[in-house]
All heavy atoms as atom14 arrays in JSON, in Angstrom:
{
  "sequence": "SVLDVMRKVEHEMYNRQNALFEKTQRVSTDYREISARPIFLFID",
  "atom14_mask": [
    [1, 1, 1, 1, 1, 1, 0, 0, 0, 0, 0, 0, 0, 0],
    [1, 1, 1, 1, 1, 1, 1, 0, 0, 0, 0, 0, 0, 0],
    [1, 1, 1, 1, 1, 1, 1, 1, 0, 0, 0, 0, 0, 0],
    [1, 1, 1, 1, 1, 1, 1, 1, 0, 0, 0, 0, 0, 0],
    [1, 1, 1, 1, 1, 1, 1, 0, 0, 0, 0, 0, 0, 0],
    [1, 1, 1, 1, 1, 1, 1, 1, 0, 0, 0, 0, 0, 0],
    [1, 1, 1, 1, 1, 1, 1, 1, 1, 1, 1, 0, 0, 0],
    [1, 1, 1, 1, 1, 1, 1, 1, 1, 0, 0, 0, 0, 0],
    [1, 1, 1, 1, 1, 1, 1, 0, 0, 0, 0, 0, 0, 0],
    [1, 1, 1, 1, 1, 1, 1, 1, 1, 0, 0, 0, 0, 0],
    [1, 1, 1, 1, 1, 1, 1, 1, 1, 1, 0, 0, 0, 0],
    [1, 1, 1, 1, 1, 1, 1, 1, 1, 0, 0, 0, 0, 0],
    [1, 1, 1, 1, 1, 1, 1, 1, 0, 0, 0, 0, 0, 0],
    [1, 1, 1, 1, 1, 1, 1, 1, 1, 1, 1, 1, 0, 0],
    [1, 1, 1, 1, 1, 1, 1, 1, 0, 0, 0, 0, 0, 0],
    [1, 1, 1, 1, 1, 1, 1, 1, 1, 1, 1, 0, 0, 0],
    [1, 1, 1, 1, 1, 1, 1, 1, 1, 0, 0, 0, 0, 0],
    [1, 1, 1, 1, 1, 1, 1, 1, 0, 0, 0, 0, 0, 0],
    [1, 1, 1, 1, 1, 0, 0, 0, 0, 0, 0, 0, 0, 0],
    [1, 1, 1, 1, 1, 1, 1, 1, 0, 0, 0, 0, 0, 0],
    [1, 1, 1, 1, 1, 1, 1, 1, 1, 1, 1, 0, 0, 0],
    [1, 1, 1, 1, 1, 1, 1, 1, 1, 0, 0, 0, 0, 0],
    [1, 1, 1, 1, 1, 1, 1, 1, 1, 0, 0, 0, 0, 0],
    [1, 1, 1, 1, 1, 1, 1, 0, 0, 0, 0, 0, 0, 0],
    [1, 1, 1, 1, 1, 1, 1, 1, 1, 0, 0, 0, 0, 0],
    [1, 1, 1, 1, 1, 1, 1, 1, 1, 1, 1, 0, 0, 0],
    [1, 1, 1, 1, 1, 1, 1, 0, 0, 0, 0, 0, 0, 0],
    [1, 1, 1, 1, 1, 1, 0, 0, 0, 0, 0, 0, 0, 0],
    [1, 1, 1, 1, 1, 1, 1, 0, 0, 0, 0, 0, 0, 0],
    [1, 1, 1, 1, 1, 1, 1, 1, 0, 0, 0, 0, 0, 0],
    [1, 1, 1, 1, 1, 1, 1, 1, 1, 1, 1, 1, 0, 0],
    [1, 1, 1, 1, 1, 1, 1, 1, 1, 1, 1, 0, 0, 0],
    [1, 1, 1, 1, 1, 1, 1, 1, 1, 0, 0, 0, 0, 0],
    [1, 1, 1, 1, 1, 1, 1, 1, 0, 0, 0, 0, 0, 0],
    [1, 1, 1, 1, 1, 1, 0, 0, 0, 0, 0, 0, 0, 0],
    [1, 1, 1, 1, 1, 0, 0, 0, 0, 0, 0, 0, 0, 0],
    [1, 1, 1, 1, 1, 1, 1, 1, 1, 1, 1, 0, 0, 0],
    [1, 1, 1, 1, 1, 1, 1, 0, 0, 0, 0, 0, 0, 0],
    [1, 1, 1, 1, 1, 1, 1, 1, 0, 0, 0, 0, 0, 0],
    [1, 1, 1, 1, 1, 1, 1, 1, 1, 1, 1, 0, 0, 0],
    [1, 1, 1, 1, 1, 1, 1, 1, 0, 0, 0, 0, 0, 0],
    [1, 1, 1, 1, 1, 1, 1, 1, 1, 1, 1, 0, 0, 0],
    [1, 1, 1, 1, 1, 1, 1, 1, 0, 0, 0, 0, 0, 0],
    [1, 1, 1, 1, 1, 1, 1, 1, 0, 0, 0, 0, 0, 0]
  ],
  "atom14_positions": [
    [[-6.28, 19.63, 5.18], [-4.92, 19.33, 4.72], [-4.53, 17.87, 5.13], [-3.78, 17.2, 4.32], [-3.88, 20.32, 5.22], [-4.23, 21.62, 4.84], [0.0, 0.0, 0.0], [0.0, 0.0, 0.0], [0.0, 0.0, 0.0], [0.0, 0.0, 0.0], [0.0, 0.0, 0.0], [0.0, 0.0, 0.0], [0.0, 0.0, 0.0], [0.0, 0.0, 0.0]],
    [[-4.75, 17.51, 6.3], [-4.48, 16.15, 6.76], [-5.27, 15.07, 5.99], [-4.75, 14.02, 5.63], [-4.82, 16.04, 8.35], [-4.7, 14.66, 8.7], [-3.97, 16.92, 9.1], [0.0, 0.0, 0.0], [0.0, 0.0, 0.0], [0.0, 0.0, 0.0], [0.0, 0.0, 0.0], [0.0, 0.0, 0.0], [0.0, 0.0, 0.0], [0.0, 0.0, 0.0]],
    [[-6.55, 15.48, 5.72], [-7.3, 14.49, 5.02], [-6.77, 14.32, 3.49], [-6.85, 13.13, 3.11], [-8.75, 15.01, 4.94], [-9.54, 14.92, 6.13], [-10.94, 15.61, 6.07], [-9.71, 13.45, 6.73], [0.0, 0.0, 0.0], [0.0, 0.0, 0.0], [0.0, 0.0, 0.0], [0.0, 0.0, 0.0], [0.0, 0.0, 0.0], [0.0, 0.0, 0.0]],
    [[-6.36, 15.31, 2.99], [-5.8, 15.22, 1.52], [-4.44, 14.28, 1.7], [-4.33, 13.37, 0.65], [-5.21, 16.63, 1.15], [-6.35, 17.53, 0.62], [-7.5, 16.98, 0.53], [-6.16, 18.69, 0.64], [0.0, 0.0, 0.0], [0.0, 0.0, 0.0], [0.0, 0.0, 0.0], [0.0, 0.0, 0.0], [0.0, 0.0, 0.0], [0.0, 0.0, 0.0]],
    [[-3.7, 14.28, 2.63], [-2.5, 13.48, 2.73], [-2.95, 12.02, 3.01], [-2.42, 11.13, 2.33], [-1.65, 13.93, 3.82], [-0.5, 12.96, 4.13], [-0.9, 15.37, 3.62], [0.0, 0.0, 0.0], [0.0, 0.0, 0.0], [0.0, 0.0, 0.0], [0.0, 0.0, 0.0], [0.0, 0.0, 0.0], [0.0, 0.0, 0.0], [0.0, 0.0, 0.0]],
    [[-3.95, 11.88, 3.82], [-4.4, 10.51, 4.18], [-5.07, 9.86, 2.87], [-4.92, 8.68, 2.72], [-5.36, 10.57, 5.31], [-4.71, 10.95, 6.6], [-5.91, 11.12, 8.01], [-6.41, 9.44, 8.32], [0.0, 0.0, 0.0], [0.0, 0.0, 0.0], [0.0, 0.0, 0.0], [0.0, 0.0, 0.0], [0.0, 0.0, 0.0], [0.0, 0.0, 0.0]],
    [[-5.68, 10.66, 2.09], [-6.33, 10.16, 1.02], [-5.26, 9.7, -0.09], [-5.5, 8.62, -0.92], [-7.22, 11.23, 0.15], [-8.45, 11.62, 1.01], [-9.46, 12.4, 0.34], [-10.55, 12.94, 1.11], [-10.65, 14.14, 1.63], [-9.62, 15.04, 1.41], [-11.72, 14.47, 2.24], [0.0, 0.0, 0.0], [0.0, 0.0, 0.0], [0.0, 0.0, 0.0]],
    [[-4.15, 10.32, -0.21], [-3.11, 9.97, -0.93], [-2.42, 8.58, -0.52], [-2.18, 7.82, -1.3], [-1.94, 11.06, -1.12], [-2.41, 12.32, -1.77], [-1.3, 13.3, -1.73], [-1.79, 14.66, -2.44], [-0.69, 15.75, -2.4], [0.0, 0.0, 0.0], [0.0, 0.0, 0.0], [0.0, 0.0, 0.0], [0.0, 0.0, 0.0], [0.0, 0.0, 0.0]],
    [[-2.33, 8.51, 0.74], [-1.86, 7.25, 1.26], [-2.84, 6.06, 1.02], [-2.48, 4.94, 0.69], [-1.66, 7.36, 2.94], [-1.18, 5.97, 3.43], [-0.5, 8.37, 3.08], [0.0, 0.0, 0.0], [0.0, 0.0, 0.0], [0.0, 0.0, 0.0], [0.0, 0.0, 0.0], [0.0, 0.0, 0.0], [0.0, 0.0, 0.0], [0.0, 0.0, 0.0]],
    [[-4.09, 6.41, 1.17], [-5.18, 5.37, 0.95], [-5.07, 5.01, -0.55], [-5.18, 3.77, -1.03], [-6.49, 5.98, 1.2], [-7.61, 4.98, 0.95], [-9.0, 5.58, 1.18], [-9.19, 6.78, 1.0], [-9.94, 4.79, 1.5], [0.0, 0.0, 0.0], [0.0, 0.0, 0.0], [0.0, 0.0, 0.0], [0.0, 0.0, 0.0], [0.0, 0.0, 0.0]],
    [[-4.96, 5.86, -1.49], [-4.88, 5.65, -2.9], [-3.6, 4.72, -3.15], [-3.78, 3.76, -3.91], [-4.79, 6.9, -3.65], [-4.62, 6.63, -5.16], [-5.67, 6.31, -5.92], [-3.56, 6.82, -6.05], [-5.34, 6.24, -7.19], [-4.03, 6.5, -7.31], [0.0, 0.0, 0.0], [0.0, 0.0, 0.0], [0.0, 0.0, 0.0], [0.0, 0.0, 0.0]],
    [[-2.48, 4.96, -2.55], [-1.33, 4.12, -2.7], [-1.52, 2.71, -2.08], [-1.12, 1.76, -2.73], [-0.15, 4.77, -2.0], [1.1, 3.91, -1.94], [1.75, 3.58, -3.25], [1.5, 4.34, -4.21], [2.5, 2.76, -3.34], [0.0, 0.0, 0.0], [0.0, 0.0, 0.0], [0.0, 0.0, 0.0], [0.0, 0.0, 0.0], [0.0, 0.0, 0.0]],
    [[-2.34, 2.61, -1.03], [-2.69, 1.4, -0.42], [-3.46, 0.47, -1.48], [-3.15, -0.63, -1.59], [-3.49, 1.56, 0.86], [-3.92, 0.32, 1.43], [-4.88, 0.73, 3.0], [-6.5, 1.32, 2.28], [0.0, 0.0, 0.0], [0.0, 0.0, 0.0], [0.0, 0.0, 0.0], [0.0, 0.0, 0.0], [0.0, 0.0, 0.0], [0.0, 0.0, 0.0]],
    [[-4.5, 1.11, -2.16], [-5.27, 0.43, -3.18], [-4.43, -0.14, -4.36], [-4.64, -1.23, -4.77], [-6.42, 1.28, -3.57], [-7.4, 1.45, -2.44], [-8.13, 2.74, -2.32], [-7.71, 0.5, -1.51], [-9.08, 2.94, -1.37], [-8.65, 0.69, -0.4], [-9.24, 1.92, -0.29], [-10.29, 2.21, 0.53], [0.0, 0.0, 0.0], [0.0, 0.0, 0.0]],
    [[-3.47, 0.91, -4.74], [-2.69, 0.48, -5.78], [-1.76, -0.71, -5.48], [-1.6, -1.56, -6.4], [-1.7, 1.71, -6.23], [-2.38, 2.76, -6.87], [-3.43, 2.51, -7.51], [-1.78, 3.87, -7.0], [0.0, 0.0, 0.0], [0.0, 0.0, 0.0], [0.0, 0.0, 0.0], [0.0, 0.0, 0.0], [0.0, 0.0, 0.0], [0.0, 0.0, 0.0]],
    [[-1.26, -0.77, -4.31], [-0.51, -1.89, -3.76], [-1.28, -3.14, -3.83], [-0.78, -4.23, -4.17], [0.27, -1.62, -2.52], [1.36, -0.48, -2.62], [1.98, -0.3, -1.27], [3.1, 0.69, -1.3], [3.88, 0.84, -0.44], [3.94, 0.09, 0.53], [4.92, 1.81, -0.51], [0.0, 0.0, 0.0], [0.0, 0.0, 0.0], [0.0, 0.0, 0.0]],
    [[-2.53, -2.95, -3.26], [-3.26, -4.22, -3.08], [-3.69, -4.71, -4.56], [-3.69, -5.97, -4.74], [-4.67, -3.75, -2.41], [-4.4, -3.56, -0.92], [-5.68, -3.11, -0.16], [-6.36, -2.31, -0.86], [-5.78, -3.38, 1.01], [0.0, 0.0, 0.0], [0.0, 0.0, 0.0], [0.0, 0.0, 0.0], [0.0, 0.0, 0.0], [0.0, 0.0, 0.0]],
    [[-3.93, -3.88, -5.5], [-4.12, -4.26, -6.83], [-2.97, -5.02, -7.44], [-3.09, -6.14, -8.11], [-4.55, -3.11, -7.68], [-4.92, -3.51, -9.14], [-5.97, -4.17, -9.29], [-4.14, -3.06, -10.13], [0.0, 0.0, 0.0], [0.0, 0.0, 0.0], [0.0, 0.0, 0.0], [0.0, 0.0, 0.0], [0.0, 0.0, 0.0], [0.0, 0.0, 0.0]],
    [[-1.72, -4.45, -7.25], [-0.56, -5.04, -7.8], [-0.27, -6.4, -7.1], [0.16, -7.43, -7.84], [0.62, -4.15, -7.44], [0.0, 0.0, 0.0], [0.0, 0.0, 0.0], [0.0, 0.0, 0.0], [0.0, 0.0, 0.0], [0.0, 0.0, 0.0], [0.0, 0.0, 0.0], [0.0, 0.0, 0.0], [0.0, 0.0, 0.0], [0.0, 0.0, 0.0]],
    [[-0.59, -6.53, -5.84], [-0.36, -7.92, -5.23], [-1.45, -8.93, -5.85], [-0.9, -10.01, -6.1], [-0.73, -7.8, -3.73], [0.51, -7.16, -2.97], [0.02, -6.89, -1.46], [1.73, -8.03, -2.8], [0.0, 0.0, 0.0], [0.0, 0.0, 0.0], [0.0, 0.0, 0.0], [0.0, 0.0, 0.0], [0.0, 0.0, 0.0], [0.0, 0.0, 0.0]],
    [[-2.59, -8.42, -6.05], [-3.62, -9.34, -6.7], [-3.2, -9.77, -8.13], [-3.33, -10.91, -8.49], [-5.0, -8.7, -6.67], [-6.1, -9.53, -7.25], [-6.6, -10.47, -6.39], [-6.57, -9.38, -8.52], [-7.67, -11.39, -6.93], [-7.56, -10.2, -9.1], [-8.11, -11.17, -8.26], [0.0, 0.0, 0.0], [0.0, 0.0, 0.0], [0.0, 0.0, 0.0]],
    [[-2.72, -8.79, -8.85], [-2.34, -9.1, -10.36], [-1.02, -9.88, -10.42], [-0.95, -10.66, -11.4], [-2.3, -7.8, -11.03], [-3.61, -7.01, -11.17], [-4.62, -7.6, -11.99], [-4.24, -8.52, -12.92], [-5.81, -7.35, -11.81], [0.0, 0.0, 0.0], [0.0, 0.0, 0.0], [0.0, 0.0, 0.0], [0.0, 0.0, 0.0], [0.0, 0.0, 0.0]],
    [[-0.17, -9.53, -9.66], [1.22, -10.14, -9.85], [1.68, -11.43, -9.09], [2.49, -12.08, -9.41], [2.37, -9.16, -9.58], [2.17, -7.87, -10.52], [3.24, -6.79, -10.16], [3.11, -5.5, -11.13], [4.04, -4.49, -10.84], [0.0, 0.0, 0.0], [0.0, 0.0, 0.0], [0.0, 0.0, 0.0], [0.0, 0.0, 0.0], [0.0, 0.0, 0.0]],
    [[1.13, -11.62, -7.97], [1.51, -12.72, -7.22], [0.67, -14.12, -7.41], [-0.63, -13.92, -7.63], [1.48, -12.5, -5.6], [1.99, -13.5, -4.9], [0.1, -12.13, -5.23], [0.0, 0.0, 0.0], [0.0, 0.0, 0.0], [0.0, 0.0, 0.0], [0.0, 0.0, 0.0], [0.0, 0.0, 0.0], [0.0, 0.0, 0.0], [0.0, 0.0, 0.0]],
    [[1.14, -15.23, -7.19], [0.41, -16.45, -7.24], [0.25, -17.02, -5.99], [-0.43, -18.07, -5.74], [1.24, -17.55, -8.15], [1.33, -17.04, -9.54], [-0.02, -16.88, -10.2], [-0.91, -17.63, -10.05], [-0.14, -15.82, -11.1], [0.0, 0.0, 0.0], [0.0, 0.0, 0.0], [0.0, 0.0, 0.0], [0.0, 0.0, 0.0], [0.0, 0.0, 0.0]],
    [[0.79, -16.25, -4.81], [0.76, -16.79, -3.47], [-0.49, -16.37, -2.92], [-1.18, -15.37, -3.25], [1.97, -16.34, -2.7], [3.26, -16.69, -3.13], [4.4, -15.85, -2.51], [4.37, -16.15, -0.96], [5.04, -15.46, -0.15], [5.97, -14.67, -0.61], [5.01, -15.79, 1.18], [0.0, 0.0, 0.0], [0.0, 0.0, 0.0], [0.0, 0.0, 0.0]],
    [[-1.03, -17.06, -1.99], [-2.31, -16.67, -1.34], [-1.97, -15.79, -0.01], [-2.62, -14.66, 0.0], [-3.0, -18.03, -0.65], [-4.17, -17.63, 0.12], [-3.53, -19.03, -1.73], [0.0, 0.0, 0.0], [0.0, 0.0, 0.0], [0.0, 0.0, 0.0], [0.0, 0.0, 0.0], [0.0, 0.0, 0.0], [0.0, 0.0, 0.0], [0.0, 0.0, 0.0]],
    [[-0.99, -16.12, 0.66], [-0.6, -15.15, 1.73], [0.76, -14.54, 1.35], [1.71, -15.09, 1.04], [-0.32, -16.01, 2.99], [-1.43, -16.63, 3.53], [0.0, 0.0, 0.0], [0.0, 0.0, 0.0], [0.0, 0.0, 0.0], [0.0, 0.0, 0.0], [0.0, 0.0, 0.0], [0.0, 0.0, 0.0], [0.0, 0.0, 0.0], [0.0, 0.0, 0.0]],
    [[0.53, -13.1, 1.24], [1.64, -12.26, 0.9], [1.53, -10.87, 1.38], [0.57, -10.68, 2.1], [1.7, -12.19, -0.7], [2.9, -11.66, -1.27], [0.49, -11.51, -1.38], [0.0, 0.0, 0.0], [0.0, 0.0, 0.0], [0.0, 0.0, 0.0], [0.0, 0.0, 0.0], [0.0, 0.0, 0.0], [0.0, 0.0, 0.0], [0.0, 0.0, 0.0]],
    [[2.48, -10.09, 0.96], [2.32, -8.62, 1.37], [3.29, -7.72, 0.53], [3.79, -8.26, -0.53], [2.89, -8.46, 2.88], [4.22, -8.88, 3.19], [5.07, -8.68, 2.49], [4.4, -9.48, 4.3], [0.0, 0.0, 0.0], [0.0, 0.0, 0.0], [0.0, 0.0, 0.0], [0.0, 0.0, 0.0], [0.0, 0.0, 0.0], [0.0, 0.0, 0.0]],
    [[3.43, -6.52, 0.91], [3.98, -5.47, 0.09], [5.53, -5.88, -0.37], [5.96, -5.32, -1.33], [3.96, -4.15, 0.69], [4.75, -4.09, 2.1], [6.17, -3.52, 1.89], [4.43, -4.68, 3.14], [7.0, -3.61, 3.19], [5.09, -4.72, 4.33], [6.45, -4.13, 4.3], [7.17, -4.09, 5.35], [0.0, 0.0, 0.0], [0.0, 0.0, 0.0]],
    [[6.08, -6.68, 0.43], [7.47, -6.98, 0.21], [7.69, -7.82, -1.07], [8.78, -7.65, -1.7], [8.14, -7.74, 1.37], [8.25, -6.87, 2.56], [8.59, -7.8, 3.8], [7.51, -8.69, 4.24], [7.54, -9.45, 5.3], [8.7, -9.51, 6.02], [6.56, -10.25, 5.53], [0.0, 0.0, 0.0], [0.0, 0.0, 0.0], [0.0, 0.0, 0.0]],
    [[6.72, -8.55, -1.59], [6.78, -9.31, -2.74], [6.79, -8.5, -4.01], [7.34, -8.82, -5.04], [5.46, -10.3, -2.84], [5.77, -11.37, -4.04], [4.76, -12.49, -3.97], [4.16, -12.59, -2.97], [4.65, -13.16, -4.94], [0.0, 0.0, 0.0], [0.0, 0.0, 0.0], [0.0, 0.0, 0.0], [0.0, 0.0, 0.0], [0.0, 0.0, 0.0]],
    [[6.17, -7.17, -3.84], [6.37, -6.34, -4.99], [7.36, -5.2, -4.84], [7.48, -4.17, -5.56], [4.87, -5.65, -5.25], [4.39, -4.87, -4.08], [3.9, -6.66, -5.89], [3.25, -4.13, -4.34], [0.0, 0.0, 0.0], [0.0, 0.0, 0.0], [0.0, 0.0, 0.0], [0.0, 0.0, 0.0], [0.0, 0.0, 0.0], [0.0, 0.0, 0.0]],
    [[8.34, -5.54, -3.93], [9.45, -4.64, -3.67], [9.13, -3.26, -3.3], [9.75, -2.15, -3.69], [10.46, -4.64, -4.91], [10.83, -5.88, -5.17], [0.0, 0.0, 0.0], [0.0, 0.0, 0.0], [0.0, 0.0, 0.0], [0.0, 0.0, 0.0], [0.0, 0.0, 0.0], [0.0, 0.0, 0.0], [0.0, 0.0, 0.0], [0.0, 0.0, 0.0]],
    [[7.97, -3.07, -2.46], [7.61, -1.72, -2.09], [8.16, -1.48, -0.78], [8.45, -2.42, 0.07], [6.09, -1.57, -2.09], [0.0, 0.0, 0.0], [0.0, 0.0, 0.0], [0.0, 0.0, 0.0], [0.0, 0.0, 0.0], [0.0, 0.0, 0.0], [0.0, 0.0, 0.0], [0.0, 0.0, 0.0], [0.0, 0.0, 0.0], [0.0, 0.0, 0.0]],
    [[8.3, -0.19, -0.34], [8.96, 0.22, 0.97], [7.57, 0.4, 1.9], [6.67, 0.94, 1.43], [9.65, 1.52, 0.81], [11.0, 1.25, 0.34], [11.71, 2.63, -0.18], [11.83, 3.57, 0.97], [12.81, 3.57, 1.84], [13.72, 2.77, 1.8], [12.85, 4.53, 2.77], [0.0, 0.0, 0.0], [0.0, 0.0, 0.0], [0.0, 0.0, 0.0]],
    [[7.75, 0.01, 3.08], [6.76, 0.42, 3.99], [6.5, 1.86, 4.26], [7.36, 2.73, 4.04], [7.13, -0.25, 5.3], [8.67, -0.26, 5.2], [8.8, -0.57, 3.84], [0.0, 0.0, 0.0], [0.0, 0.0, 0.0], [0.0, 0.0, 0.0], [0.0, 0.0, 0.0], [0.0, 0.0, 0.0], [0.0, 0.0, 0.0], [0.0, 0.0, 0.0]],
    [[5.26, 2.2, 4.42], [4.89, 3.77, 4.65], [4.4, 3.84, 6.0], [3.39, 3.04, 6.5], [3.88, 4.25, 3.67], [4.49, 4.15, 2.21], [3.51, 5.54, 4.02], [3.35, 4.46, 1.17], [0.0, 0.0, 0.0], [0.0, 0.0, 0.0], [0.0, 0.0, 0.0], [0.0, 0.0, 0.0], [0.0, 0.0, 0.0], [0.0, 0.0, 0.0]],
    [[5.14, 4.66, 6.92], [4.66, 4.9, 8.33], [4.0, 6.25, 8.43], [4.64, 7.19, 8.01], [5.87, 4.76, 9.17], [6.56, 3.45, 9.3], [7.54, 3.11, 8.45], [6.06, 2.44, 10.05], [8.2, 1.89, 8.45], [6.77, 1.15, 10.08], [7.79, 0.91, 9.24], [0.0, 0.0, 0.0], [0.0, 0.0, 0.0], [0.0, 0.0, 0.0]],
    [[2.8, 6.33, 8.76], [2.11, 7.56, 8.92], [1.93, 7.91, 10.4], [1.25, 7.22, 11.22], [0.72, 7.54, 8.33], [-0.31, 8.71, 8.43], [0.37, 9.84, 7.81], [-1.65, 8.39, 7.89], [0.0, 0.0, 0.0], [0.0, 0.0, 0.0], [0.0, 0.0, 0.0], [0.0, 0.0, 0.0], [0.0, 0.0, 0.0], [0.0, 0.0, 0.0]],
    [[2.74, 8.96, 10.88], [2.7, 9.35, 12.23], [1.76, 10.42, 12.41], [1.82, 11.43, 11.66], [4.24, 9.86, 12.63], [5.2, 8.72, 12.99], [5.61, 7.8, 11.93], [5.68, 8.52, 14.21], [6.59, 6.96, 12.25], [6.52, 7.6, 14.54], [7.03, 6.61, 13.49], [0.0, 0.0, 0.0], [0.0, 0.0, 0.0], [0.0, 0.0, 0.0]],
    [[0.98, 10.3, 13.45], [-0.02, 11.4, 13.81], [0.14, 11.77, 15.29], [-0.12, 10.86, 16.23], [-1.47, 10.98, 13.53], [-1.65, 10.58, 12.03], [-2.32, 12.18, 13.81], [-3.07, 10.16, 11.65], [0.0, 0.0, 0.0], [0.0, 0.0, 0.0], [0.0, 0.0, 0.0], [0.0, 0.0, 0.0], [0.0, 0.0, 0.0], [0.0, 0.0, 0.0]],
    [[0.71, 12.83, 15.5], [0.83, 13.4, 16.94], [-0.31, 14.04, 17.51], [-0.97, 14.77, 16.67], [2.13, 14.1, 17.1], [2.6, 14.29, 18.46], [2.07, 13.58, 19.34], [3.47, 15.23, 18.74], [0.0, 0.0, 0.0], [0.0, 0.0, 0.0], [0.0, 0.0, 0.0], [0.0, 0.0, 0.0], [0.0, 0.0, 0.0], [0.0, 0.0, 0.0]]
  ]
}
C-alpha cells in the first residue's frame, strides 16, 4: 500500500519535470515556475 502511494508521487514528479522542460526557457528553475504546490511525504 505504501509503494502504491509512493509510485503515485513518483508519477507526479515525472509529470512536473516534463512540464518544466516543455514550458520554461530558464536553465535553473523548479516547481514554482509552473505554479505547483510542494508535496511533503512524511514517513514515520
